[in-house]
Amino acid sequence: MRRFDSPWDRSLKFTTAVGVVVLGGAAIAPWAIWHLSPDPLGAALLLPASPLVGSVLLLAFAFSPRAFAIEGRELRVQRRWWRPVGIPLAEVRRVQLLPDRLGNAWRVGGSSGLFGHFGRFRSRALGSFRMYATRAGGLVLVDTVRERYVLSPAPAEAFLEELLSRAPQAVRSAEPGPTPVPARRRSLWWLAIPVGVLLLSVGGVAGMSYAYAPVSIGVRGDAIRVERRWAGPVEISIAEVREVGPLPAAARRGWRRTAGVAGLGEAAYGRWHAPALGVFQLYAVRRAPLVLVRTDERTVVLTPDDPGPFIEEIRARMRR
């Protein structure tokens, strides 16, 4: 086996460092916001973004090229945490040392600047091609009967000589030939990654929304207790209550959600704003009847399980 490393150039080191800092910060930020925010209920909806951004980093690292090996009857692109890409030597038809940097190439699917340049790319000069590179110059073009590849082995000239000696039908060319027709079965793999990430994000948001939804509201001991599906309960001390009663009709107009969830059947929760109430917290199991609770620090609108006895019990305790 003959192995050729794929060293990083200065540009890739810089863009990868920036990408790791930015995406790493974006993965940690939702947890920091959740712990530090005065509205943890609304901030919890950001938590699914954390594994989503983290998966982008992990996938980019896993699929990034690290070396090239010519072994047996294959040219292999060795990747960090994923199985290598095998290119049969019998299918190689043309090889070429590219003289210029691919400055005019654009990414169709994959990564460019985060742990490498890999995936599907296009350019006016080369057409459609698959790239596995960790630098912008000193690249090698490899044409097979089904695909065009742009690789970054080092040293490039020694790689070309070894490939020509091992690929029985390969010739060295000064100009790129016609673009090979790509294999459809391979192009579908890149489609599965964004679709999977999208489904993970949607599922995470839906799961968090369902977990924090209120299911029961009543008086338990010395507190108003909001029971939620999977999350812990929310409690409001009755000793802090300064006003309780049915929500006035005038206060039901102009509601605007600022953080939270609405549309889970009749349930809704989170931080809202209304002209008559200002900013308030909503815990609604159903649409009505609505009860207004004010403390020194916040305004809360609830749909208790039994509104009449709920209001009377709190008022009686307030009188005592």
C-alpha atoms as a PDB file:
ATOM      1  CA  MET A   1       0.000   0.000   0.000  1.00  0.00           C
ATOM      2  CA  ARG A   2       1.201   3.493  -0.847  1.00  0.00           C
ATOM      3  CA  ARG A   3      -0.204   6.249   1.375  1.00  0.00           C
ATOM      4  CA  PHE A   4      -0.225  10.004   0.709  1.00  0.00           C
ATOM      5  CA  ASP A   5      -1.076  12.533   3.399  1.00  0.00           C
ATOM      6  CA  SER A   6      -3.449  15.449   2.889  1.00  0.00           C
ATOM      7  CA  PRO A   7      -1.951  18.420   4.776  1.00  0.00           C
ATOM      8  CA  TRP A   8      -3.991  21.511   5.591  1.00  0.00           C
ATOM      9  CA  ASP A   9      -3.094  24.899   4.156  1.00  0.00           C
ATOM     10  CA  ARG A  10      -3.190  28.106   6.199  1.00  0.00           C
ATOM     11  CA  SER A  11      -6.584  29.139   4.853  1.00  0.00           C
ATOM     12  CA  LEU A  12      -8.263  25.903   5.944  1.00  0.00           C
ATOM     13  CA  LYS A  13      -6.717  26.122   9.415  1.00  0.00           C
ATOM     14  CA  PHE A  14      -8.156  29.616   9.821  1.00  0.00           C
ATOM     15  CA  THR A  15     -11.663  28.871   8.498  1.00  0.00           C
ATOM     16  CA  THR A  16     -11.884  25.660  10.533  1.00  0.00           C
ATOM     17  CA  ALA A  17     -10.819  27.440  13.731  1.00  0.00           C
ATOM     18  CA  VAL A  18     -13.441  30.151  13.152  1.00  0.00           C
ATOM     19  CA  GLY A  19     -16.101  27.570  12.285  1.00  0.00           C
ATOM     20  CA  VAL A  20     -15.413  25.494  15.403  1.00  0.00           C
ATOM     21  CA  VAL A  21     -15.575  28.581  17.647  1.00  0.00           C
ATOM     22  CA  VAL A  22     -18.788  29.868  16.060  1.00  0.00           C
ATOM     23  CA  LEU A  23     -20.608  26.536  15.834  1.00  0.00           C
ATOM     24  CA  GLY A  24     -19.305  25.379  19.212  1.00  0.00           C
ATOM     25  CA  GLY A  25     -20.585  28.596  20.763  1.00  0.00           C
ATOM     26  CA  ALA A  26     -23.923  28.157  18.991  1.00  0.00           C
ATOM     27  CA  ALA A  27     -24.190  24.612  20.385  1.00  0.00           C
ATOM     28  CA  ILE A  28     -23.475  25.757  23.964  1.00  0.00           C
ATOM     29  CA  ALA A  29     -25.506  28.980  23.867  1.00  0.00           C
ATOM     30  CA  PRO A  30     -29.003  27.386  24.120  1.00  0.00           C
ATOM     31  CA  TRP A  31     -28.027  25.631  27.360  1.00  0.00           C
ATOM     32  CA  ALA A  32     -26.552  28.823  28.798  1.00  0.00           C
ATOM     33  CA  ILE A  33     -29.672  30.770  27.842  1.00  0.00           C
ATOM     34  CA  TRP A  34     -31.877  28.063  29.347  1.00  0.00           C
ATOM     35  CA  HIS A  35     -30.040  28.220  32.685  1.00  0.00           C
ATOM     36  CA  LEU A  36     -29.616  31.994  32.874  1.00  0.00           C
ATOM     37  CA  SER A  37     -32.789  33.284  31.213  1.00  0.00           C
ATOM     38  CA  PRO A  38     -35.553  34.734  33.402  1.00  0.00           C
ATOM     39  CA  ASP A  39     -37.932  32.935  31.059  1.00  0.00           C
ATOM     40  CA  PRO A  40     -36.633  29.323  31.037  1.00  0.00           C
ATOM     41  CA  LEU A  41     -39.907  28.139  29.512  1.00  0.00           C
ATOM     42  CA  GLY A  42     -39.404  30.107  26.321  1.00  0.00           C
ATOM     43  CA  ALA A  43     -35.643  29.551  26.329  1.00  0.00           C
ATOM     44  CA  ALA A  44     -36.183  25.779  26.456  1.00  0.00           C
ATOM     45  CA  LEU A  45     -37.452  25.936  22.881  1.00  0.00           C
ATOM     46  CA  LEU A  46     -33.880  26.792  21.815  1.00  0.00           C
ATOM     47  CA  LEU A  47     -32.455  23.560  23.231  1.00  0.00           C
ATOM     48  CA  PRO A  48     -33.104  21.419  20.102  1.00  0.00           C
ATOM     49  CA  ALA A  49     -30.738  23.761  18.240  1.00  0.00           C
ATOM     50  CA  SER A  50     -27.846  22.501  20.380  1.00  0.00           C
ATOM     51  CA  PRO A  51     -27.711  18.899  19.048  1.00  0.00           C
ATOM     52  CA  LEU A  52     -28.536  20.225  15.586  1.00  0.00           C
ATOM     53  CA  VAL A  53     -25.480  22.488  15.486  1.00  0.00           C
ATOM     54  CA  GLY A  54     -23.350  19.872  17.240  1.00  0.00           C
ATOM     55  CA  SER A  55     -24.280  17.300  14.610  1.00  0.00           C
ATOM     56  CA  VAL A  56     -23.052  19.660  11.884  1.00  0.00           C
ATOM     57  CA  LEU A  57     -19.631  19.795  13.535  1.00  0.00           C
ATOM     58  CA  LEU A  58     -19.473  16.031  14.059  1.00  0.00           C
ATOM     59  CA  LEU A  59     -20.589  15.212  10.513  1.00  0.00           C
ATOM     60  CA  ALA A  60     -18.097  17.662   9.006  1.00  0.00           C
ATOM     61  CA  PHE A  61     -15.269  16.129  11.031  1.00  0.00           C
ATOM     62  CA  ALA A  62     -16.363  12.538  10.342  1.00  0.00           C
ATOM     63  CA  PHE A  63     -16.545  12.987   6.554  1.00  0.00           C
ATOM     64  CA  SER A  64     -13.402  15.113   6.174  1.00  0.00           C
ATOM     65  CA  PRO A  65     -10.475  13.604   4.224  1.00  0.00           C
ATOM     66  CA  ARG A  66      -7.216  12.862   5.993  1.00  0.00           C
ATOM     67  CA  ALA A  67      -5.153  10.828   3.487  1.00  0.00           C
ATOM     68  CA  PHE A  68      -5.186   8.925   0.199  1.00  0.00           C
ATOM     69  CA  ALA A  69      -4.056   5.334  -0.241  1.00  0.00           C
ATOM     70  CA  ILE A  70      -3.440   3.212  -3.313  1.00  0.00           C
ATOM     71  CA  GLU A  71      -3.930  -0.364  -2.220  1.00  0.00           C
ATOM     72  CA  GLY A  72      -4.745  -3.473  -4.214  1.00  0.00           C
ATOM     73  CA  ARG A  73      -7.170  -2.481  -6.948  1.00  0.00           C
ATOM     74  CA  GLU A  74      -8.457   0.692  -5.344  1.00  0.00           C
ATOM     75  CA  LEU A  75      -7.617   4.313  -4.746  1.00  0.00           C
ATOM     76  CA  ARG A  76      -9.066   5.088  -1.323  1.00  0.00           C
ATOM     77  CA  VAL A  77      -9.957   8.420   0.193  1.00  0.00           C
ATOM     78  CA  GLN A  78      -9.452   7.877   3.914  1.00  0.00           C
ATOM     79  CA  ARG A  79     -11.777   9.898   6.126  1.00  0.00           C
ATOM     80  CA  ARG A  80     -11.691  10.788   9.845  1.00  0.00           C
ATOM     81  CA  TRP A  81     -14.528   8.756  11.314  1.00  0.00           C
ATOM     82  CA  TRP A  82     -16.259   7.337   8.268  1.00  0.00           C
ATOM     83  CA  ARG A  83     -15.592   4.498   5.904  1.00  0.00           C
ATOM     84  CA  PRO A  84     -13.222   5.367   3.041  1.00  0.00           C
ATOM     85  CA  VAL A  85     -14.342   6.255  -0.454  1.00  0.00           C
ATOM     86  CA  GLY A  86     -13.193   3.535  -2.853  1.00  0.00           C
ATOM     87  CA  ILE A  87     -12.292   4.370  -6.460  1.00  0.00           C
ATOM     88  CA  PRO A  88     -11.559   1.263  -8.580  1.00  0.00           C
ATOM     89  CA  LEU A  89      -8.241   1.681 -10.393  1.00  0.00           C
ATOM     90  CA  ALA A  90      -9.651  -0.171 -13.408  1.00  0.00           C
ATOM     91  CA  GLU A  91     -12.136   2.707 -13.894  1.00  0.00           C
ATOM     92  CA  VAL A  92      -9.514   5.499 -13.900  1.00  0.00           C
ATOM     93  CA  ARG A  93      -9.108   6.957 -17.395  1.00  0.00           C
ATOM     94  CA  ARG A  94      -7.390  10.341 -17.032  1.00  0.00           C
ATOM     95  CA  VAL A  95      -5.259  12.071 -14.387  1.00  0.00           C
ATOM     96  CA  GLN A  96      -3.965  15.606 -14.335  1.00  0.00           C
ATOM     97  CA  LEU A  97      -2.106  17.961 -12.005  1.00  0.00           C
ATOM     98  CA  LEU A  98      -4.265  21.071 -11.821  1.00  0.00           C
ATOM     99  CA  PRO A  99      -2.078  24.154 -12.293  1.00  0.00           C
ATOM    100  CA  ASP A 100      -4.438  26.716 -10.752  1.00  0.00           C
ATOM    101  CA  ARG A 101      -6.461  27.126  -7.579  1.00  0.00           C
ATOM    102  CA  LEU A 102     -10.167  26.353  -7.905  1.00  0.00           C
ATOM    103  CA  GLY A 103     -11.225  29.857  -7.024  1.00  0.00           C
ATOM    104  CA  ASN A 104     -14.322  29.801  -9.211  1.00  0.00           C
ATOM    105  CA  ALA A 105     -15.753  26.509  -7.913  1.00  0.00           C
ATOM    106  CA  TRP A 106     -18.962  26.519  -5.901  1.00  0.00           C
ATOM    107  CA  ARG A 107     -20.292  23.945  -3.477  1.00  0.00           C
ATOM    108  CA  VAL A 108     -23.421  21.996  -4.387  1.00  0.00           C
ATOM    109  CA  GLY A 109     -23.445  19.782  -1.301  1.00  0.00           C
ATOM    110  CA  GLY A 110     -20.878  19.114   1.401  1.00  0.00           C
ATOM    111  CA  SER A 111     -18.401  21.305   3.291  1.00  0.00           C
ATOM    112  CA  SER A 112     -16.048  24.011   2.165  1.00  0.00           C
ATOM    113  CA  GLY A 113     -13.744  25.404   4.821  1.00  0.00           C
ATOM    114  CA  LEU A 114     -14.782  23.305   7.826  1.00  0.00           C
ATOM    115  CA  PHE A 115     -12.238  20.463   8.274  1.00  0.00           C
ATOM    116  CA  GLY A 116     -11.740  20.411   4.510  1.00  0.00           C
ATOM    117  CA  HIS A 117     -13.370  20.870   1.131  1.00  0.00           C
ATOM    118  CA  PHE A 118     -15.414  17.795   0.339  1.00  0.00           C
ATOM    119  CA  GLY A 119     -18.660  16.840  -1.313  1.00  0.00           C
ATOM    120  CA  ARG A 120     -20.191  17.808  -4.627  1.00  0.00           C
ATOM    121  CA  PHE A 121     -18.838  20.919  -6.399  1.00  0.00           C
ATOM    122  CA  ARG A 122     -19.129  22.616  -9.784  1.00  0.00           C
ATOM    123  CA  SER A 123     -16.968  24.976 -11.811  1.00  0.00           C
ATOM    124  CA  ARG A 124     -17.067  26.344 -15.346  1.00  0.00           C
ATOM    125  CA  ALA A 125     -13.787  24.683 -16.251  1.00  0.00           C
ATOM    126  CA  LEU A 126     -14.394  21.247 -14.703  1.00  0.00           C
ATOM    127  CA  GLY A 127     -18.167  20.902 -14.642  1.00  0.00           C
ATOM    128  CA  SER A 128     -19.520  18.696 -11.835  1.00  0.00           C
ATOM    129  CA  PHE A 129     -16.999  16.894  -9.635  1.00  0.00           C
ATOM    130  CA  ARG A 130     -16.484  15.406  -6.189  1.00  0.00           C
ATOM    131  CA  MET A 131     -13.792  17.015  -4.101  1.00  0.00           C
ATOM    132  CA  TYR A 132     -11.774  15.620  -1.202  1.00  0.00           C
ATOM    133  CA  ALA A 133      -9.192  18.260  -0.428  1.00  0.00           C
ATOM    134  CA  THR A 134      -7.579  20.099   2.472  1.00  0.00           C
ATOM    135  CA  ARG A 135      -5.883  22.869   0.515  1.00  0.00           C
ATOM    136  CA  ALA A 136      -6.697  25.170  -2.371  1.00  0.00           C
ATOM    137  CA  GLY A 137      -3.606  24.546  -4.535  1.00  0.00           C
ATOM    138  CA  GLY A 138      -1.577  21.546  -5.710  1.00  0.00           C
ATOM    139  CA  LEU A 139      -4.701  19.547  -6.576  1.00  0.00           C
ATOM    140  CA  VAL A 140      -4.995  16.430  -8.694  1.00  0.00           C
ATOM    141  CA  LEU A 141      -7.842  15.712 -11.128  1.00  0.00           C
ATOM    142  CA  VAL A 142      -8.844  12.051 -11.466  1.00  0.00           C
ATOM    143  CA  ASP A 143     -11.418  11.077 -14.099  1.00  0.00           C
ATOM    144  CA  THR A 144     -13.093   7.681 -13.973  1.00  0.00           C
ATOM    145  CA  VAL A 145     -15.782   6.214 -16.217  1.00  0.00           C
ATOM    146  CA  ARG A 146     -18.460   7.400 -13.751  1.00  0.00           C
ATOM    147  CA  GLU A 147     -17.078  10.318 -11.735  1.00  0.00           C
ATOM    148  CA  ARG A 148     -14.656  13.212 -11.725  1.00  0.00           C
ATOM    149  CA  TYR A 149     -12.626  13.704  -8.527  1.00  0.00           C
ATOM    150  CA  VAL A 150     -10.417  16.535  -7.303  1.00  0.00           C
ATOM    151  CA  LEU A 151      -7.973  15.387  -4.607  1.00  0.00           C
ATOM    152  CA  SER A 152      -5.179  16.937  -2.533  1.00  0.00           C
ATOM    153  CA  PRO A 153      -2.487  14.260  -1.994  1.00  0.00           C
ATOM    154  CA  ALA A 154       1.032  15.278  -1.034  1.00  0.00           C
ATOM    155  CA  PRO A 155       3.360  15.118  -2.793  1.00  0.00           C
ATOM    156  CA  ALA A 156       1.045  15.490  -5.802  1.00  0.00           C
ATOM    157  CA  GLU A 157       3.589  14.504  -8.474  1.00  0.00           C
ATOM    158  CA  ALA A 158       4.557  11.283  -6.700  1.00  0.00           C
ATOM    159  CA  PHE A 159       0.858  10.455  -6.306  1.00  0.00           C
ATOM    160  CA  LEU A 160       0.324  10.925 -10.047  1.00  0.00           C
ATOM    161  CA  GLU A 161       3.221   8.633 -10.936  1.00  0.00           C
ATOM    162  CA  GLU A 162       2.044   5.932  -8.545  1.00  0.00           C
ATOM    163  CA  LEU A 163      -1.528   6.144  -9.825  1.00  0.00           C
ATOM    164  CA  LEU A 164      -0.422   5.924 -13.464  1.00  0.00           C
ATOM    165  CA  SER A 165       1.678   2.862 -12.710  1.00  0.00           C
ATOM    166  CA  ARG A 166      -1.187   1.078 -10.954  1.00  0.00           C
ATOM    167  CA  ALA A 167      -4.202   2.067 -13.090  1.00  0.00           C
ATOM    168  CA  PRO A 168      -3.991   0.013 -16.307  1.00  0.00           C
ATOM    169  CA  GLN A 169      -6.032   2.369 -18.535  1.00  0.00           C
ATOM    170  CA  ALA A 170      -5.052   5.720 -17.049  1.00  0.00           C
ATOM    171  CA  VAL A 171      -3.260   8.369 -19.088  1.00  0.00           C
ATOM    172  CA  ARG A 172      -1.815  11.709 -18.084  1.00  0.00           C
ATOM    173  CA  SER A 173      -3.580  14.651 -19.664  1.00  0.00           C
ATOM    174  CA  ALA A 174      -2.810  18.358 -19.918  1.00  0.00           C
ATOM    175  CA  GLU A 175      -6.478  19.363 -20.287  1.00  0.00           C
ATOM    176  CA  PRO A 176      -9.622  18.046 -18.589  1.00  0.00           C
ATOM    177  CA  GLY A 177     -11.733  15.790 -20.770  1.00  0.00           C
ATOM    178  CA  PRO A 178     -15.545  15.593 -20.901  1.00  0.00           C
ATOM    179  CA  THR A 179     -17.215  15.462 -17.509  1.00  0.00           C
ATOM    180  CA  PRO A 180     -18.126  11.857 -16.587  1.00  0.00           C
ATOM    181  CA  VAL A 181     -21.763  11.144 -15.796  1.00  0.00           C
ATOM    182  CA  PRO A 182     -22.021  10.915 -11.958  1.00  0.00           C
ATOM    183  CA  ALA A 183     -23.448   7.800 -10.329  1.00  0.00           C
ATOM    184  CA  ARG A 184     -26.942   8.572  -9.030  1.00  0.00           C
ATOM    185  CA  ARG A 185     -26.721   6.138  -6.158  1.00  0.00           C
ATOM    186  CA  ARG A 186     -23.892   8.157  -4.628  1.00  0.00           C
ATOM    187  CA  SER A 187     -25.489  11.591  -5.007  1.00  0.00           C
ATOM    188  CA  LEU A 188     -28.526  10.528  -2.981  1.00  0.00           C
ATOM    189  CA  TRP A 189     -26.347  10.019   0.112  1.00  0.00           C
ATOM    190  CA  TRP A 190     -25.774  13.748   0.537  1.00  0.00           C
ATOM    191  CA  LEU A 191     -29.520  14.315   0.362  1.00  0.00           C
ATOM    192  CA  ALA A 192     -30.038  12.074   3.394  1.00  0.00           C
ATOM    193  CA  ILE A 193     -27.866  14.259   5.670  1.00  0.00           C
ATOM    194  CA  PRO A 194     -29.824  17.548   5.449  1.00  0.00           C
ATOM    195  CA  VAL A 195     -33.111  15.656   5.526  1.00  0.00           C
ATOM    196  CA  GLY A 196     -32.039  13.800   8.675  1.00  0.00           C
ATOM    197  CA  VAL A 197     -30.848  17.009  10.336  1.00  0.00           C
ATOM    198  CA  LEU A 198     -34.143  18.719   9.452  1.00  0.00           C
ATOM    199  CA  LEU A 199     -36.188  15.855  10.896  1.00  0.00           C
ATOM    200  CA  LEU A 200     -34.056  15.887  14.062  1.00  0.00           C
ATOM    201  CA  SER A 201     -34.637  19.618  14.486  1.00  0.00           C
ATOM    202  CA  VAL A 202     -38.385  19.423  13.913  1.00  0.00           C
ATOM    203  CA  GLY A 203     -38.716  16.416  16.195  1.00  0.00           C
ATOM    204  CA  GLY A 204     -36.698  18.113  18.928  1.00  0.00           C
ATOM    205  CA  VAL A 205     -38.811  21.265  18.838  1.00  0.00           C
ATOM    206  CA  ALA A 206     -42.031  19.248  18.862  1.00  0.00           C
ATOM    207  CA  GLY A 207     -40.787  17.110  21.763  1.00  0.00           C
ATOM    208  CA  MET A 208     -39.777  20.114  23.863  1.00  0.00           C
ATOM    209  CA  SER A 209     -43.096  21.843  23.137  1.00  0.00           C
ATOM    210  CA  TYR A 210     -45.040  18.773  24.220  1.00  0.00           C
ATOM    211  CA  ALA A 211     -42.908  18.253  27.345  1.00  0.00           C
ATOM    212  CA  TYR A 212     -43.523  21.758  28.739  1.00  0.00           C
ATOM    213  CA  ALA A 213     -47.255  21.898  27.948  1.00  0.00           C
ATOM    214  CA  PRO A 214     -49.499  22.381  31.056  1.00  0.00           C
ATOM    215  CA  VAL A 215     -51.969  19.596  31.846  1.00  0.00           C
ATOM    216  CA  SER A 216     -53.466  20.593  35.202  1.00  0.00           C
ATOM    217  CA  ILE A 217     -53.682  23.796  37.274  1.00  0.00           C
ATOM    218  CA  GLY A 218     -54.884  24.024  40.859  1.00  0.00           C
ATOM    219  CA  VAL A 219     -54.030  24.829  44.468  1.00  0.00           C
ATOM    220  CA  ARG A 220     -51.625  22.446  46.171  1.00  0.00           C
ATOM    221  CA  GLY A 221     -50.649  23.319  49.744  1.00  0.00           C
ATOM    222  CA  ASP A 222     -49.583  26.954  49.926  1.00  0.00           C
ATOM    223  CA  ALA A 223     -49.039  27.424  46.210  1.00  0.00           C
ATOM    224  CA  ILE A 224     -50.718  27.554  42.837  1.00  0.00           C
ATOM    225  CA  ARG A 225     -49.307  24.543  41.015  1.00  0.00           C
ATOM    226  CA  VAL A 226     -49.085  24.124  37.237  1.00  0.00           C
ATOM    227  CA  GLU A 227     -48.470  20.478  36.340  1.00  0.00           C
ATOM    228  CA  ARG A 228     -46.715  19.872  33.029  1.00  0.00           C
ATOM    229  CA  ARG A 229     -46.467  16.750  30.864  1.00  0.00           C
ATOM    230  CA  TRP A 230     -42.835  15.767  31.247  1.00  0.00           C
ATOM    231  CA  ALA A 231     -41.202  18.833  32.821  1.00  0.00           C
ATOM    232  CA  GLY A 232     -41.303  19.713  36.503  1.00  0.00           C
ATOM    233  CA  PRO A 233     -44.239  21.727  37.897  1.00  0.00           C
ATOM    234  CA  VAL A 234     -44.386  25.523  38.147  1.00  0.00           C
ATOM    235  CA  GLU A 235     -45.427  26.934  41.530  1.00  0.00           C
ATOM    236  CA  ILE A 236     -46.633  30.405  42.533  1.00  0.00           C
ATOM    237  CA  SER A 237     -46.717  31.047  46.273  1.00  0.00           C
ATOM    238  CA  ILE A 238     -50.163  32.176  47.417  1.00  0.00           C
ATOM    239  CA  ALA A 239     -48.433  34.473  49.929  1.00  0.00           C
ATOM    240  CA  GLU A 240     -47.171  36.534  46.953  1.00  0.00           C
ATOM    241  CA  VAL A 241     -50.596  36.910  45.278  1.00  0.00           C
ATOM    242  CA  ARG A 242     -52.030  40.451  45.354  1.00  0.00           C
ATOM    243  CA  GLU A 243     -54.983  40.013  42.989  1.00  0.00           C
ATOM    244  CA  VAL A 244     -56.976  37.069  41.617  1.00  0.00           C
ATOM    245  CA  GLY A 245     -60.183  36.932  39.600  1.00  0.00           C
ATOM    246  CA  PRO A 246     -61.731  36.239  36.204  1.00  0.00           C
ATOM    247  CA  LEU A 247     -59.853  37.877  33.360  1.00  0.00           C
ATOM    248  CA  PRO A 248     -61.715  41.052  32.260  1.00  0.00           C
ATOM    249  CA  ALA A 249     -63.076  41.013  28.718  1.00  0.00           C
ATOM    250  CA  ALA A 250     -61.096  44.139  27.820  1.00  0.00           C
ATOM    251  CA  ALA A 251     -57.853  42.336  28.665  1.00  0.00           C
ATOM    252  CA  ARG A 252     -58.496  39.595  26.117  1.00  0.00           C
ATOM    253  CA  ARG A 253     -57.780  41.748  23.053  1.00  0.00           C
ATOM    254  CA  GLY A 254     -54.518  42.278  21.217  1.00  0.00           C
ATOM    255  CA  TRP A 255     -52.569  39.315  22.598  1.00  0.00           C
ATOM    256  CA  ARG A 256     -49.156  38.710  21.071  1.00  0.00           C
ATOM    257  CA  ARG A 257     -46.873  35.779  21.869  1.00  0.00           C
ATOM    258  CA  THR A 258     -43.240  36.767  22.492  1.00  0.00           C
ATOM    259  CA  ALA A 259     -41.881  33.369  23.643  1.00  0.00           C
ATOM    260  CA  GLY A 260     -43.752  30.119  24.031  1.00  0.00           C
ATOM    261  CA  VAL A 261     -46.086  27.759  22.228  1.00  0.00           C
ATOM    262  CA  ALA A 262     -49.640  27.963  20.923  1.00  0.00           C
ATOM    263  CA  GLY A 263     -51.481  25.430  18.811  1.00  0.00           C
ATOM    264  CA  LEU A 264     -51.064  22.282  20.933  1.00  0.00           C
ATOM    265  CA  GLY A 265     -54.773  21.582  20.694  1.00  0.00           C
ATOM    266  CA  GLU A 266     -56.314  24.052  23.149  1.00  0.00           C
ATOM    267  CA  ALA A 267     -53.157  24.307  25.266  1.00  0.00           C
ATOM    268  CA  ALA A 268     -50.840  27.311  25.143  1.00  0.00           C
ATOM    269  CA  TYR A 269     -48.041  28.588  27.342  1.00  0.00           C
ATOM    270  CA  GLY A 270     -45.141  30.994  27.484  1.00  0.00           C
ATOM    271  CA  ARG A 271     -44.570  34.743  27.622  1.00  0.00           C
ATOM    272  CA  TRP A 272     -47.196  36.993  26.005  1.00  0.00           C
ATOM    273  CA  HIS A 273     -48.047  40.676  25.719  1.00  0.00           C
ATOM    274  CA  ALA A 274     -51.405  42.477  25.713  1.00  0.00           C
ATOM    275  CA  PRO A 275     -52.194  46.213  25.734  1.00  0.00           C
ATOM    276  CA  ALA A 276     -54.250  45.923  28.930  1.00  0.00           C
ATOM    277  CA  LEU A 277     -51.895  43.566  30.780  1.00  0.00           C
ATOM    278  CA  GLY A 278     -48.435  44.339  29.494  1.00  0.00           C
ATOM    279  CA  VAL A 279     -46.100  41.344  29.642  1.00  0.00           C
ATOM    280  CA  PHE A 280     -47.655  38.278  31.275  1.00  0.00           C
ATOM    281  CA  GLN A 281     -47.091  34.544  31.659  1.00  0.00           C
ATOM    282  CA  LEU A 282     -49.719  32.202  30.209  1.00  0.00           C
ATOM    283  CA  TYR A 283     -50.486  28.643  31.312  1.00  0.00           C
ATOM    284  CA  ALA A 284     -53.616  27.517  29.499  1.00  0.00           C
ATOM    285  CA  VAL A 285     -54.910  23.953  29.430  1.00  0.00           C
ATOM    286  CA  ARG A 286     -58.026  25.082  27.536  1.00  0.00           C
ATOM    287  CA  ARG A 287     -59.300  28.277  25.909  1.00  0.00           C
ATOM    288  CA  ALA A 288     -61.546  29.376  28.792  1.00  0.00           C
ATOM    289  CA  PRO A 289     -62.383  30.357  31.450  1.00  0.00           C
ATOM    290  CA  LEU A 290     -59.305  32.492  32.019  1.00  0.00           C
ATOM    291  CA  VAL A 291     -58.193  33.626  35.475  1.00  0.00           C
ATOM    292  CA  LEU A 292     -55.891  36.560  36.191  1.00  0.00           C
ATOM    293  CA  VAL A 293     -53.308  36.286  38.995  1.00  0.00           C
ATOM    294  CA  ARG A 294     -51.060  39.204  39.940  1.00  0.00           C
ATOM    295  CA  THR A 295     -48.108  39.149  42.304  1.00  0.00           C
ATOM    296  CA  ASP A 296     -45.596  41.880  43.119  1.00  0.00           C
ATOM    297  CA  GLU A 297     -43.275  40.592  40.403  1.00  0.00           C
ATOM    298  CA  ARG A 298     -45.416  39.175  37.608  1.00  0.00           C
ATOM    299  CA  THR A 299     -48.785  38.823  35.937  1.00  0.00           C
ATOM    300  CA  VAL A 300     -50.055  35.325  35.163  1.00  0.00           C
ATOM    301  CA  VAL A 301     -53.090  34.141  33.202  1.00  0.00           C
ATOM    302  CA  LEU A 302     -54.290  30.594  33.966  1.00  0.00           C
ATOM    303  CA  THR A 303     -57.054  28.159  33.124  1.00  0.00           C
ATOM    304  CA  PRO A 304     -57.481  26.326  36.465  1.00  0.00           C
ATOM    305  CA  ASP A 305     -59.217  22.962  36.616  1.00  0.00           C
ATOM    306  CA  ASP A 306     -62.093  24.367  38.699  1.00  0.00           C
ATOM    307  CA  PRO A 307     -62.085  28.178  38.313  1.00  0.00           C
ATOM    308  CA  GLY A 308     -64.774  29.135  40.872  1.00  0.00           C
ATOM    309  CA  PRO A 309     -63.417  27.223  43.888  1.00  0.00           C
ATOM    310  CA  PHE A 310     -59.860  28.096  42.749  1.00  0.00           C
ATOM    311  CA  ILE A 311     -60.554  31.859  42.994  1.00  0.00           C
ATOM    312  CA  GLU A 312     -62.481  31.573  46.262  1.00  0.00           C
ATOM    313  CA  GLU A 313     -59.806  29.496  47.972  1.00  0.00           C
ATOM    314  CA  ILE A 314     -57.043  31.934  47.030  1.00  0.00           C
ATOM    315  CA  ARG A 315     -59.120  34.963  48.097  1.00  0.00           C
ATOM    316  CA  ALA A 316     -59.915  33.302  51.434  1.00  0.00           C
ATOM    317  CA  ARG A 317     -56.236  32.704  52.066  1.00  0.00           C
ATOM    318  CA  MET A 318     -55.428  36.278  51.091  1.00  0.00           C
ATOM    319  CA  ARG A 319     -57.956  37.572  53.663  1.00  0.00           C
ATOM    320  CA  ARG A 320     -56.425  35.432  56.388  1.00  0.00           C
END
